[in-house]
PDB file of N, CA and C in Angstrom:
ATOM      1  N   MET A   1       0.830  -1.177  -0.005  1.00  0.00           N
ATOM      2  CA  MET A   1      -0.001   0.007  -0.006  1.00  0.00           C
ATOM      3  C   MET A   1       0.889   1.246   0.004  1.00  0.00           C
ATOM      4  N   LYS A   2       0.438   2.281  -0.676  1.00  0.00           N
ATOM      5  CA  LYS A   2       1.234   3.503  -0.713  1.00  0.00           C
ATOM      6  C   LYS A   2       1.238   4.176   0.655  1.00  0.00           C
ATOM      7  N   LYS A   3       2.197   5.041   0.864  1.00  0.00           N
ATOM      8  CA  LYS A   3       2.381   5.717   2.127  1.00  0.00           C
ATOM      9  C   LYS A   3       1.164   6.635   2.425  1.00  0.00           C
ATOM     10  N   LEU A   4       0.701   6.558   3.655  1.00  0.00           N
ATOM     11  CA  LEU A   4      -0.451   7.373   4.057  1.00  0.00           C
ATOM     12  C   LEU A   4      -0.058   8.818   4.281  1.00  0.00           C
ATOM     13  N   ARG A   5      -1.004   9.704   4.040  1.00  0.00           N
ATOM     14  CA  ARG A   5      -0.748  11.147   4.283  1.00  0.00           C
ATOM     15  C   ARG A   5      -1.765  11.669   5.292  1.00  0.00           C
ATOM     16  N   ALA A   6      -1.279  12.366   6.275  1.00  0.00           N
ATOM     17  CA  ALA A   6      -2.125  12.951   7.278  1.00  0.00           C
ATOM     18  C   ALA A   6      -2.519  14.377   6.884  1.00  0.00           C
ATOM     19  N   LYS A   7      -3.778  14.716   7.069  1.00  0.00           N
ATOM     20  CA  LYS A   7      -4.235  16.075   6.784  1.00  0.00           C
ATOM     21  C   LYS A   7      -4.469  16.767   8.132  1.00  0.00           C
ATOM     22  N   ARG A   8      -3.764  17.885   8.322  1.00  0.00           N
ATOM     23  CA  ARG A   8      -3.883  18.625   9.591  1.00  0.00           C
ATOM     24  C   ARG A   8      -5.217  19.348   9.632  1.00  0.00           C
ATOM     25  N   ILE A   9      -5.987  19.049  10.695  1.00  0.00           N
ATOM     26  CA  ILE A   9      -7.297  19.678  10.860  1.00  0.00           C
ATOM     27  C   ILE A   9      -7.195  20.810  11.868  1.00  0.00           C
ATOM     28  N   GLY A  10      -6.384  20.632  12.901  1.00  0.00           N
ATOM     29  CA  GLY A  10      -6.166  21.639  13.924  1.00  0.00           C
ATOM     30  C   GLY A  10      -4.917  21.311  14.688  1.00  0.00           C
ATOM     31  N   THR A  11      -4.651  22.084  15.719  1.00  0.00           N
ATOM     32  CA  THR A  11      -3.454  21.845  16.533  1.00  0.00           C
ATOM     33  C   THR A  11      -3.529  20.463  17.174  1.00  0.00           C
ATOM     34  N   GLY A  12      -2.575  19.616  16.790  1.00  0.00           N
ATOM     35  CA  GLY A  12      -2.500  18.293  17.363  1.00  0.00           C
ATOM     36  C   GLY A  12      -3.611  17.361  16.937  1.00  0.00           C
ATOM     37  N   TYR A  13      -4.269  17.648  15.807  1.00  0.00           N
ATOM     38  CA  TYR A  13      -5.405  16.838  15.341  1.00  0.00           C
ATOM     39  C   TYR A  13      -5.242  16.614  13.819  1.00  0.00           C
ATOM     40  N   TYR A  14      -5.169  15.344  13.446  1.00  0.00           N
ATOM     41  CA  TYR A  14      -4.966  14.982  12.043  1.00  0.00           C
ATOM     42  C   TYR A  14      -5.978  13.925  11.628  1.00  0.00           C
ATOM     43  N   GLU A  15      -6.334  13.950  10.372  1.00  0.00           N
ATOM     44  CA  GLU A  15      -7.167  12.921   9.780  1.00  0.00           C
ATOM     45  C   GLU A  15      -6.346  12.206   8.725  1.00  0.00           C
ATOM     46  N   VAL A  16      -6.463  10.854   8.720  1.00  0.00           N
ATOM     47  CA  VAL A  16      -5.688  10.030   7.819  1.00  0.00           C
ATOM     48  C   VAL A  16      -6.661   9.207   6.979  1.00  0.00           C
ATOM     49  N   PRO A  17      -6.944   9.663   5.727  1.00  0.00           N
ATOM     50  CA  PRO A  17      -7.853   8.879   4.879  1.00  0.00           C
ATOM     51  C   PRO A  17      -7.168   7.587   4.405  1.00  0.00           C
ATOM     52  N   THR A  18      -7.898   6.475   4.519  1.00  0.00           N
ATOM     53  CA  THR A  18      -7.422   5.179   4.051  1.00  0.00           C
ATOM     54  C   THR A  18      -8.548   4.526   3.274  1.00  0.00           C
ATOM     55  N   PRO A  19      -8.266   3.443   2.575  1.00  0.00           N
ATOM     56  CA  PRO A  19      -9.327   2.720   1.869  1.00  0.00           C
ATOM     57  C   PRO A  19     -10.356   2.106   2.847  1.00  0.00           C
ATOM     58  N   HIS A  20     -10.010   1.990   4.106  1.00  0.00           N
ATOM     59  CA  HIS A  20     -10.888   1.387   5.115  1.00  0.00           C
ATOM     60  C   HIS A  20     -11.662   2.440   5.903  1.00  0.00           C
ATOM     61  N   GLY A  21     -11.504   3.696   5.592  1.00  0.00           N
ATOM     62  CA  GLY A  21     -12.158   4.772   6.327  1.00  0.00           C
ATOM     63  C   GLY A  21     -11.103   5.767   6.815  1.00  0.00           C
ATOM     64  N   THR A  22     -11.567   6.826   7.477  1.00  0.00           N
ATOM     65  CA  THR A  22     -10.684   7.878   7.936  1.00  0.00           C
ATOM     66  C   THR A  22     -10.328   7.662   9.415  1.00  0.00           C
ATOM     67  N   TYR A  23      -9.042   7.496   9.662  1.00  0.00           N
ATOM     68  CA  TYR A  23      -8.546   7.403  11.033  1.00  0.00           C
ATOM     69  C   TYR A  23      -8.238   8.806  11.543  1.00  0.00           C
ATOM     70  N   ARG A  24      -8.329   8.984  12.854  1.00  0.00           N
ATOM     71  CA  ARG A  24      -7.962  10.250  13.487  1.00  0.00           C
ATOM     72  C   ARG A  24      -6.762   9.983  14.362  1.00  0.00           C
ATOM     73  N   VAL A  25      -5.830  10.938  14.330  1.00  0.00           N
ATOM     74  CA  VAL A  25      -4.632  10.876  15.158  1.00  0.00           C
ATOM     75  C   VAL A  25      -4.616  12.194  15.944  1.00  0.00           C
ATOM     76  N   GLU A  26      -4.714  12.085  17.273  1.00  0.00           N
ATOM     77  CA  GLU A  26      -4.808  13.273  18.129  1.00  0.00           C
ATOM     78  C   GLU A  26      -3.707  13.279  19.177  1.00  0.00           C
ATOM     79  N   ASN A  27      -3.135  14.462  19.387  1.00  0.00           N
ATOM     80  CA  ASN A  27      -2.129  14.626  20.416  1.00  0.00           C
ATOM     81  C   ASN A  27      -2.807  15.092  21.718  1.00  0.00           C
ATOM     82  N   VAL A  28      -2.883  14.183  22.669  1.00  0.00           N
ATOM     83  CA  VAL A  28      -3.521  14.512  23.943  1.00  0.00           C
ATOM     84  C   VAL A  28      -2.487  14.219  25.055  1.00  0.00           C
ATOM     85  N   PRO A  29      -2.082  15.254  25.779  1.00  0.00           N
ATOM     86  CA  PRO A  29      -1.093  15.014  26.870  1.00  0.00           C
ATOM     87  C   PRO A  29      -1.633  14.029  27.897  1.00  0.00           C
ATOM     88  N   ALA A  30      -0.751  13.217  28.405  1.00  0.00           N
ATOM     89  CA  ALA A  30      -1.130  12.257  29.451  1.00  0.00           C
ATOM     90  C   ALA A  30      -1.467  13.038  30.719  1.00  0.00           C
ATOM     91  N   PRO A  31      -2.503  12.626  31.443  1.00  0.00           N
ATOM     92  CA  PRO A  31      -2.855  13.354  32.671  1.00  0.00           C
ATOM     93  C   PRO A  31      -1.756  13.199  33.730  1.00  0.00           C
ATOM     94  N   LYS A  32      -1.597  14.234  34.559  1.00  0.00           N
ATOM     95  CA  LYS A  32      -0.608  14.176  35.611  1.00  0.00           C
ATOM     96  C   LYS A  32      -0.941  13.069  36.575  1.00  0.00           C
ATOM     97  N   GLY A  33       0.073  12.384  37.028  1.00  0.00           N
ATOM     98  CA  GLY A  33      -0.096  11.298  37.988  1.00  0.00           C
ATOM     99  C   GLY A  33      -0.594   9.992  37.346  1.00  0.00           C
ATOM    100  N   SER A  34      -0.619   9.945  36.018  1.00  0.00           N
ATOM    101  CA  SER A  34      -1.097   8.733  35.358  1.00  0.00           C
ATOM    102  C   SER A  34      -0.026   7.653  35.230  1.00  0.00           C
ATOM    103  N   GLY A  35       1.225   8.046  35.513  1.00  0.00           N
ATOM    104  CA  GLY A  35       2.318   7.093  35.391  1.00  0.00           C
ATOM    105  C   GLY A  35       2.935   7.041  33.999  1.00  0.00           C
ATOM    106  N   TYR A  36       2.361   7.807  33.051  1.00  0.00           N
ATOM    107  CA  TYR A  36       2.888   7.830  31.701  1.00  0.00           C
ATOM    108  C   TYR A  36       3.852   8.975  31.464  1.00  0.00           C
ATOM    109  N   GLY A  37       4.031   9.835  32.448  1.00  0.00           N
ATOM    110  CA  GLY A  37       4.905  10.980  32.275  1.00  0.00           C
ATOM    111  C   GLY A  37       4.266  12.057  31.446  1.00  0.00           C
ATOM    112  N   SER A  38       4.934  13.176  31.383  1.00  0.00           N
ATOM    113  CA  SER A  38       4.395  14.280  30.592  1.00  0.00           C
ATOM    114  C   SER A  38       4.886  14.142  29.159  1.00  0.00           C
ATOM    115  N   GLY A  39       4.373  14.974  28.304  1.00  0.00           N
ATOM    116  CA  GLY A  39       4.756  14.923  26.908  1.00  0.00           C
ATOM    117  C   GLY A  39       3.659  14.427  26.005  1.00  0.00           C
ATOM    118  N   PRO A  40       3.965  14.281  24.747  1.00  0.00           N
ATOM    119  CA  PRO A  40       2.926  13.909  23.780  1.00  0.00           C
ATOM    120  C   PRO A  40       2.408  12.490  24.018  1.00  0.00           C
ATOM    121  N   ASN A  41       1.159  12.344  23.689  1.00  0.00           N
ATOM    122  CA  ASN A  41       0.517  11.039  23.765  1.00  0.00           C
ATOM    123  C   ASN A  41      -0.439  11.008  22.554  1.00  0.00           C
ATOM    124  N   TRP A  42      -0.039  10.356  21.501  1.00  0.00           N
ATOM    125  CA  TRP A  42      -0.791  10.357  20.246  1.00  0.00           C
ATOM    126  C   TRP A  42      -1.817   9.212  20.263  1.00  0.00           C
ATOM    127  N   LEU A  43      -3.079   9.583  20.229  1.00  0.00           N
ATOM    128  CA  LEU A  43      -4.166   8.623  20.225  1.00  0.00           C
ATOM    129  C   LEU A  43      -4.567   8.286  18.814  1.00  0.00           C
ATOM    130  N   ILE A  44      -4.839   7.022  18.520  1.00  0.00           N
ATOM    131  CA  ILE A  44      -5.272   6.572  17.214  1.00  0.00           C
ATOM    132  C   ILE A  44      -6.752   6.145  17.355  1.00  0.00           C
ATOM    133  N   ILE A  45      -7.617   6.799  16.602  1.00  0.00           N
ATOM    134  CA  ILE A  45      -9.035   6.499  16.663  1.00  0.00           C
ATOM    135  C   ILE A  45      -9.502   5.979  15.323  1.00  0.00           C
ATOM    136  N   GLY A  46     -10.072   4.807  15.330  1.00  0.00           N
ATOM    137  CA  GLY A  46     -10.466   4.147  14.087  1.00  0.00           C
ATOM    138  C   GLY A  46     -11.702   4.794  13.458  1.00  0.00           C
ATOM    139  N   PRO A  47     -12.004   4.458  12.187  1.00  0.00           N
ATOM    140  CA  PRO A  47     -13.160   4.979  11.505  1.00  0.00           C
ATOM    141  C   PRO A  47     -14.461   4.633  12.244  1.00  0.00           C
ATOM    142  N   GLY A  48     -15.275   5.612  12.487  1.00  0.00           N
ATOM    143  CA  GLY A  48     -16.568   5.402  13.142  1.00  0.00           C
ATOM    144  C   GLY A  48     -16.471   5.190  14.631  1.00  0.00           C
ATOM    145  N   GLU A  49     -15.292   5.316  15.214  1.00  0.00           N
ATOM    146  CA  GLU A  49     -15.123   5.102  16.651  1.00  0.00           C
ATOM    147  C   GLU A  49     -15.029   6.435  17.372  1.00  0.00           C
ATOM    148  N   GLU A  50     -15.347   6.412  18.672  1.00  0.00           N
ATOM    149  CA  GLU A  50     -15.183   7.605  19.499  1.00  0.00           C
ATOM    150  C   GLU A  50     -14.116   7.426  20.580  1.00  0.00           C
ATOM    151  N   VAL A  51     -13.659   6.184  20.743  1.00  0.00           N
ATOM    152  CA  VAL A  51     -12.685   5.846  21.755  1.00  0.00           C
ATOM    153  C   VAL A  51     -11.399   5.423  21.041  1.00  0.00           C
ATOM    154  N   ALA A  52     -10.255   5.809  21.624  1.00  0.00           N
ATOM    155  CA  ALA A  52      -8.980   5.488  21.005  1.00  0.00           C
ATOM    156  C   ALA A  52      -8.738   3.976  20.982  1.00  0.00           C
ATOM    157  N   ASP A  53      -8.180   3.501  19.866  1.00  0.00           N
ATOM    158  CA  ASP A  53      -7.803   2.088  19.725  1.00  0.00           C
ATOM    159  C   ASP A  53      -6.426   1.861  20.342  1.00  0.00           C
ATOM    160  N   ALA A  54      -5.562   2.870  20.260  1.00  0.00           N
ATOM    161  CA  ALA A  54      -4.190   2.720  20.744  1.00  0.00           C
ATOM    162  C   ALA A  54      -3.610   4.108  21.006  1.00  0.00           C
ATOM    163  N   ALA A  55      -2.477   4.137  21.679  1.00  0.00           N
ATOM    164  CA  ALA A  55      -1.726   5.383  21.936  1.00  0.00           C
ATOM    165  C   ALA A  55      -0.262   5.113  21.653  1.00  0.00           C
ATOM    166  N   LYS A  56       0.398   6.101  21.070  1.00  0.00           N
ATOM    167  CA  LYS A  56       1.820   6.006  20.755  1.00  0.00           C
ATOM    168  C   LYS A  56       2.506   7.280  21.233  1.00  0.00           C
ATOM    169  N   PRO A  57       3.816   7.219  21.536  1.00  0.00           N
ATOM    170  CA  PRO A  57       4.502   8.373  22.049  1.00  0.00           C
ATOM    171  C   PRO A  57       4.832   9.433  20.988  1.00  0.00           C
ATOM    172  N   THR A  58       4.875   9.060  19.717  1.00  0.00           N
ATOM    173  CA  THR A  58       5.185  10.033  18.659  1.00  0.00           C
ATOM    174  C   THR A  58       4.164   9.909  17.512  1.00  0.00           C
ATOM    175  N   LYS A  59       4.061  11.010  16.767  1.00  0.00           N
ATOM    176  CA  LYS A  59       3.158  11.012  15.598  1.00  0.00           C
ATOM    177  C   LYS A  59       3.648   9.997  14.552  1.00  0.00           C
ATOM    178  N   ARG A  60       4.960   9.911  14.391  1.00  0.00           N
ATOM    179  CA  ARG A  60       5.508   8.964  13.430  1.00  0.00           C
ATOM    180  C   ARG A  60       5.098   7.525  13.766  1.00  0.00           C
ATOM    181  N   GLU A  61       5.199   7.162  15.039  1.00  0.00           N
ATOM    182  CA  GLU A  61       4.796   5.817  15.469  1.00  0.00           C
ATOM    183  C   GLU A  61       3.297   5.586  15.288  1.00  0.00           C
ATOM    184  N   ALA A  62       2.514   6.644  15.511  1.00  0.00           N
ATOM    185  CA  ALA A  62       1.062   6.559  15.326  1.00  0.00           C
ATOM    186  C   ALA A  62       0.732   6.321  13.846  1.00  0.00           C
ATOM    187  N   MET A  63       1.437   7.025  12.971  1.00  0.00           N
ATOM    188  CA  MET A  63       1.204   6.847  11.526  1.00  0.00           C
ATOM    189  C   MET A  63       1.640   5.458  11.064  1.00  0.00           C
ATOM    190  N   GLN A  64       2.744   4.949  11.633  1.00  0.00           N
ATOM    191  CA  GLN A  64       3.210   3.606  11.267  1.00  0.00           C
ATOM    192  C   GLN A  64       2.166   2.574  11.742  1.00  0.00           C
ATOM    193  N   TYR A  65       1.562   2.821  12.879  1.00  0.00           N
ATOM    194  CA  TYR A  65       0.542   1.907  13.414  1.00  0.00           C
ATOM    195  C   TYR A  65      -0.654   1.849  12.477  1.00  0.00           C
ATOM    196  N   VAL A  66      -1.131   3.020  12.008  1.00  0.00           N
ATOM    197  CA  VAL A  66      -2.263   3.063  11.072  1.00  0.00           C
ATOM    198  C   VAL A  66      -1.882   2.375   9.781  1.00  0.00           C
ATOM    199  N   GLN A  67      -0.646   2.596   9.284  1.00  0.00           N
ATOM    200  CA  GLN A  67      -0.191   1.955   8.069  1.00  0.00           C
ATOM    201  C   GLN A  67      -0.191   0.424   8.246  1.00  0.00           C
ATOM    202  N   THR A  68       0.251  -0.059   9.395  1.00  0.00           N
ATOM    203  CA  THR A  68       0.272  -1.490   9.668  1.00  0.00           C
ATOM    204  C   THR A  68      -1.134  -2.059   9.717  1.00  0.00           C
ATOM    205  N   LEU A  69      -2.062  -1.312  10.326  1.00  0.00           N
ATOM    206  CA  LEU A  69      -3.458  -1.768  10.358  1.00  0.00           C
ATOM    207  C   LEU A  69      -4.024  -1.913   8.939  1.00  0.00           C
ATOM    208  N   CYS A  70      -3.753  -0.911   8.116  1.00  0.00           N
ATOM    209  CA  CYS A  70      -4.288  -0.928   6.741  1.00  0.00           C
ATOM    210  C   CYS A  70      -3.629  -2.032   5.936  1.00  0.00           C
ATOM    211  N   ASP A  71      -2.329  -2.225   6.079  1.00  0.00           N
ATOM    212  CA  ASP A  71      -1.634  -3.263   5.320  1.00  0.00           C
ATOM    213  C   ASP A  71      -2.124  -4.649   5.773  1.00  0.00           C
ATOM    214  N   GLY A  72      -2.355  -4.823   7.070  1.00  0.00           N
ATOM    215  CA  GLY A  72      -2.843  -6.090   7.617  1.00  0.00           C
ATOM    216  C   GLY A  72      -4.239  -6.391   7.123  1.00  0.00           C
ATOM    217  N   SER A  73      -5.101  -5.385   7.037  1.00  0.00           N
ATOM    218  CA  SER A  73      -6.453  -5.583   6.562  1.00  0.00           C
ATOM    219  C   SER A  73      -6.449  -5.969   5.097  1.00  0.00           C
ATOM    220  N   ARG A  74      -5.542  -5.375   4.340  1.00  0.00           N
ATOM    221  CA  ARG A  74      -5.445  -5.701   2.928  1.00  0.00           C
ATOM    222  C   ARG A  74      -4.987  -7.138   2.732  1.00  0.00           C
ATOM    223  N   GLU A  75      -4.014  -7.558   3.535  1.00  0.00           N
ATOM    224  CA  GLU A  75      -3.525  -8.919   3.431  1.00  0.00           C
ATOM    225  C   GLU A  75      -4.595  -9.918   3.824  1.00  0.00           C
ATOM    226  N   ALA A  76      -5.398  -9.574   4.831  1.00  0.00           N
ATOM    227  CA  ALA A  76      -6.437 -10.476   5.322  1.00  0.00           C
ATOM    228  C   ALA A  76      -7.541 -10.646   4.275  1.00  0.00           C
ATOM    229  N   GLY A  77      -7.737  -9.625   3.432  1.00  0.00           N
ATOM    230  CA  GLY A  77      -8.777  -9.678   2.439  1.00  0.00           C
ATOM    231  C   GLY A  77      -8.414 -10.493   1.204  1.00  0.00           C
ATOM    232  N   LYS A  78      -7.157 -10.903   1.083  1.00  0.00           N
ATOM    233  CA  LYS A  78      -6.720 -11.662  -0.114  1.00  0.00           C
ATOM    234  C   LYS A  78      -7.128 -13.117  -0.003  1.00  0.00           C
TER     235      LYS A  78
END
């Protein structure tokens, strides 16, 4: 599958169109005292979902995760 492109919608909010629907990638800081430390916390929200499927520490890792999901779905459909 070709490389995915994220479209910036707002500060820390991106939409990633894929053949399986549009994923959202959002930068939400981890709450204080959560044990995850401060800094970025990129949430990956699947098409039609309101709750995050996963969280990654960087946007790059979040995009790789979405790419892996899409590639895996394509392989499963063969």
